[in-house]
């Protein structure tokens, strides 16, 4: 195992842990649909949640692309 393979392997492990964390931070698509799941949300809290979810979704895509590029480079 060369030094480059070791470095790419460590980076891939770190990126995979970051992907897991970002996906777990995101809210589910069905959150807040039912009346049982939690009271009335204000308009501002809904729009804020959407922007945070949009940023997290965008970061998930970028990190996943980086992961796949590194996997291709490693091989």
N, C-alpha and C. Protein backbone atom coordinates (compact mmCIF):
# COMPACT_ATOMS: atom_id res chain seq x y z
N UNK A 1 0.85 -1.18 0.00
CA UNK A 1 0.00 0.00 0.00
C UNK A 1 0.90 1.24 0.00
N UNK A 2 0.69 2.06 -0.98
CA UNK A 2 1.51 3.26 -1.08
C UNK A 2 0.95 4.37 -0.20
N UNK A 3 1.73 5.41 -0.08
CA UNK A 3 1.32 6.54 0.74
C UNK A 3 0.09 7.22 0.16
N UNK A 4 0.04 7.34 -1.17
CA UNK A 4 -1.12 7.98 -1.80
C UNK A 4 -2.40 7.18 -1.54
N UNK A 5 -2.32 5.86 -1.63
CA UNK A 5 -3.50 5.04 -1.36
C UNK A 5 -3.94 5.18 0.10
N UNK A 6 -2.98 5.27 1.00
CA UNK A 6 -3.31 5.43 2.41
C UNK A 6 -4.00 6.77 2.66
N UNK A 7 -3.48 7.82 2.05
CA UNK A 7 -4.07 9.15 2.23
C UNK A 7 -5.48 9.19 1.63
N UNK A 8 -5.66 8.65 0.43
CA UNK A 8 -6.99 8.63 -0.20
C UNK A 8 -7.96 7.80 0.63
N UNK A 9 -7.49 6.69 1.20
CA UNK A 9 -8.34 5.86 2.05
C UNK A 9 -8.81 6.59 3.29
N UNK A 10 -7.90 7.32 3.92
CA UNK A 10 -8.26 8.09 5.12
C UNK A 10 -9.24 9.20 4.76
N UNK A 11 -9.01 9.88 3.63
CA UNK A 11 -9.92 10.93 3.20
C UNK A 11 -11.30 10.35 2.89
N UNK A 12 -11.34 9.18 2.27
CA UNK A 12 -12.64 8.55 1.96
C UNK A 12 -13.39 8.18 3.23
N UNK A 13 -12.69 7.71 4.24
CA UNK A 13 -13.34 7.38 5.51
C UNK A 13 -13.91 8.64 6.14
N UNK A 14 -13.15 9.73 6.13
CA UNK A 14 -13.64 10.98 6.71
C UNK A 14 -14.84 11.52 5.93
N UNK A 15 -14.78 11.46 4.61
CA UNK A 15 -15.90 11.94 3.79
C UNK A 15 -17.14 11.08 4.03
N UNK A 16 -16.96 9.77 4.17
CA UNK A 16 -18.13 8.92 4.42
C UNK A 16 -18.76 9.24 5.77
N UNK A 17 -17.95 9.55 6.78
CA UNK A 17 -18.51 9.93 8.08
C UNK A 17 -19.24 11.28 7.99
N UNK A 18 -18.71 12.19 7.17
CA UNK A 18 -19.38 13.48 6.99
C UNK A 18 -20.71 13.30 6.27
N UNK A 19 -20.74 12.43 5.27
CA UNK A 19 -22.00 12.15 4.57
C UNK A 19 -23.04 11.59 5.54
N UNK A 20 -22.63 10.67 6.37
CA UNK A 20 -23.55 10.09 7.35
C UNK A 20 -24.10 11.16 8.28
N UNK A 21 -23.22 12.04 8.76
CA UNK A 21 -23.65 13.09 9.68
C UNK A 21 -24.62 14.06 9.01
N UNK A 22 -24.32 14.47 7.78
CA UNK A 22 -25.19 15.42 7.08
C UNK A 22 -26.55 14.81 6.79
N UNK A 23 -26.58 13.54 6.42
CA UNK A 23 -27.86 12.89 6.14
C UNK A 23 -28.68 12.75 7.43
N UNK A 24 -28.03 12.44 8.53
CA UNK A 24 -28.77 12.30 9.79
C UNK A 24 -29.27 13.64 10.33
N UNK A 25 -28.59 14.73 10.00
CA UNK A 25 -29.03 16.05 10.46
C UNK A 25 -30.29 16.49 9.72
N UNK A 26 -30.45 16.08 8.48
CA UNK A 26 -31.60 16.50 7.68
C UNK A 26 -32.90 15.99 8.27
N UNK A 27 -33.93 16.80 8.12
CA UNK A 27 -35.25 16.39 8.57
C UNK A 27 -35.86 15.48 7.52
N UNK A 28 -36.74 14.61 7.97
CA UNK A 28 -37.43 13.73 7.05
C UNK A 28 -38.39 14.50 6.18
N UNK A 29 -38.73 13.95 5.05
CA UNK A 29 -39.65 14.61 4.12
C UNK A 29 -41.07 14.68 4.69
N UNK A 30 -41.40 13.81 5.59
CA UNK A 30 -42.76 13.75 6.14
C UNK A 30 -42.88 14.47 7.48
N UNK A 31 -41.85 15.17 7.93
CA UNK A 31 -41.94 15.82 9.22
C UNK A 31 -42.93 16.98 9.17
N UNK A 32 -43.78 17.06 10.14
CA UNK A 32 -44.74 18.15 10.22
C UNK A 32 -45.99 17.97 9.38
N UNK A 33 -46.22 16.80 8.82
CA UNK A 33 -47.42 16.62 7.99
C UNK A 33 -48.67 16.41 8.83
N UNK A 34 -48.54 15.73 9.93
CA UNK A 34 -49.72 15.43 10.73
C UNK A 34 -49.91 16.41 11.87
N UNK A 35 -51.13 16.51 12.32
CA UNK A 35 -51.42 17.40 13.44
C UNK A 35 -50.88 16.85 14.74
N UNK A 36 -50.68 15.54 14.80
CA UNK A 36 -50.20 14.90 16.02
C UNK A 36 -48.72 15.20 16.25
N UNK A 37 -47.97 15.39 15.17
CA UNK A 37 -46.52 15.49 15.28
C UNK A 37 -46.02 16.78 15.91
N UNK A 38 -46.82 17.76 16.09
CA UNK A 38 -46.34 18.94 16.79
C UNK A 38 -47.14 20.17 16.44
N UNK A 39 -47.48 21.04 17.21
CA UNK A 39 -48.39 22.15 17.02
C UNK A 39 -48.28 22.93 15.74
N UNK A 40 -48.71 24.13 15.79
CA UNK A 40 -48.75 24.98 14.60
C UNK A 40 -47.38 25.61 14.40
N UNK A 41 -46.86 25.51 13.19
CA UNK A 41 -45.60 26.16 12.84
C UNK A 41 -45.90 27.51 12.23
N UNK A 42 -45.07 28.46 12.54
CA UNK A 42 -45.24 29.77 11.92
C UNK A 42 -44.65 29.75 10.53
N UNK A 43 -45.01 30.74 9.76
CA UNK A 43 -44.52 30.82 8.38
C UNK A 43 -43.00 30.96 8.36
N UNK A 44 -42.45 31.77 9.25
CA UNK A 44 -41.00 31.99 9.26
C UNK A 44 -40.24 30.74 9.64
N UNK A 45 -40.74 29.96 10.56
CA UNK A 45 -40.03 28.74 10.94
C UNK A 45 -40.07 27.70 9.83
N UNK A 46 -41.17 27.68 9.07
CA UNK A 46 -41.24 26.74 7.94
C UNK A 46 -40.25 27.12 6.85
N UNK A 47 -40.17 28.41 6.52
CA UNK A 47 -39.27 28.83 5.46
C UNK A 47 -37.81 28.67 5.89
N UNK A 48 -37.53 28.87 7.16
CA UNK A 48 -36.17 28.70 7.66
C UNK A 48 -35.77 27.23 7.59
N UNK A 49 -36.69 26.35 7.95
CA UNK A 49 -36.39 24.92 7.89
C UNK A 49 -36.15 24.47 6.46
N UNK A 50 -36.88 25.03 5.53
CA UNK A 50 -36.70 24.66 4.12
C UNK A 50 -35.34 25.09 3.61
N UNK A 51 -34.90 26.27 4.01
CA UNK A 51 -33.60 26.73 3.54
C UNK A 51 -32.48 25.90 4.14
N UNK A 52 -32.59 25.55 5.40
CA UNK A 52 -31.58 24.71 6.04
C UNK A 52 -31.57 23.33 5.38
N UNK A 53 -32.75 22.80 5.12
CA UNK A 53 -32.82 21.50 4.46
C UNK A 53 -32.27 21.57 3.04
N UNK A 54 -32.51 22.67 2.36
CA UNK A 54 -31.99 22.82 1.00
C UNK A 54 -30.47 22.89 1.01
N UNK A 55 -29.91 23.61 1.97
CA UNK A 55 -28.45 23.69 2.08
C UNK A 55 -27.86 22.32 2.41
N UNK A 56 -28.49 21.62 3.33
CA UNK A 56 -27.99 20.29 3.69
C UNK A 56 -28.10 19.31 2.52
N UNK A 57 -29.18 19.41 1.76
CA UNK A 57 -29.34 18.54 0.60
C UNK A 57 -28.28 18.85 -0.45
N UNK A 58 -28.01 20.13 -0.64
CA UNK A 58 -26.98 20.52 -1.61
C UNK A 58 -25.61 20.02 -1.17
N UNK A 59 -25.28 20.16 0.11
CA UNK A 59 -24.00 19.68 0.62
C UNK A 59 -23.90 18.17 0.52
N UNK A 60 -25.00 17.47 0.73
CA UNK A 60 -24.99 16.02 0.58
C UNK A 60 -24.61 15.62 -0.84
N UNK A 61 -25.17 16.33 -1.82
CA UNK A 61 -24.85 16.03 -3.22
C UNK A 61 -23.38 16.28 -3.51
N UNK A 62 -22.86 17.42 -3.06
CA UNK A 62 -21.46 17.75 -3.33
C UNK A 62 -20.51 16.76 -2.68
N UNK A 63 -20.79 16.40 -1.45
CA UNK A 63 -19.91 15.48 -0.73
C UNK A 63 -19.98 14.08 -1.35
N UNK A 64 -21.17 13.68 -1.79
CA UNK A 64 -21.30 12.37 -2.44
C UNK A 64 -20.54 12.33 -3.76
N UNK A 65 -20.60 13.42 -4.52
CA UNK A 65 -19.85 13.48 -5.78
C UNK A 65 -18.36 13.41 -5.49
N UNK A 66 -17.89 14.13 -4.49
CA UNK A 66 -16.48 14.07 -4.10
C UNK A 66 -16.08 12.66 -3.69
N UNK A 67 -16.96 11.98 -2.97
CA UNK A 67 -16.68 10.61 -2.55
C UNK A 67 -16.53 9.68 -3.75
N UNK A 68 -17.43 9.80 -4.72
CA UNK A 68 -17.36 8.94 -5.90
C UNK A 68 -16.13 9.25 -6.75
N UNK A 69 -15.78 10.52 -6.85
CA UNK A 69 -14.56 10.89 -7.60
C UNK A 69 -13.33 10.29 -6.93
N UNK A 70 -13.27 10.38 -5.61
CA UNK A 70 -12.14 9.78 -4.89
C UNK A 70 -12.11 8.26 -5.05
N UNK A 71 -13.28 7.63 -5.08
CA UNK A 71 -13.32 6.19 -5.27
C UNK A 71 -12.80 5.80 -6.64
N UNK A 72 -13.12 6.60 -7.66
CA UNK A 72 -12.62 6.33 -9.00
C UNK A 72 -11.11 6.56 -9.07
N UNK A 73 -10.63 7.64 -8.43
CA UNK A 73 -9.20 7.94 -8.41
C UNK A 73 -8.44 6.85 -7.68
N UNK A 74 -9.02 6.32 -6.61
CA UNK A 74 -8.34 5.29 -5.82
C UNK A 74 -8.14 4.02 -6.62
N UNK A 75 -9.02 3.74 -7.55
CA UNK A 75 -8.89 2.53 -8.36
C UNK A 75 -8.06 2.83 -9.58
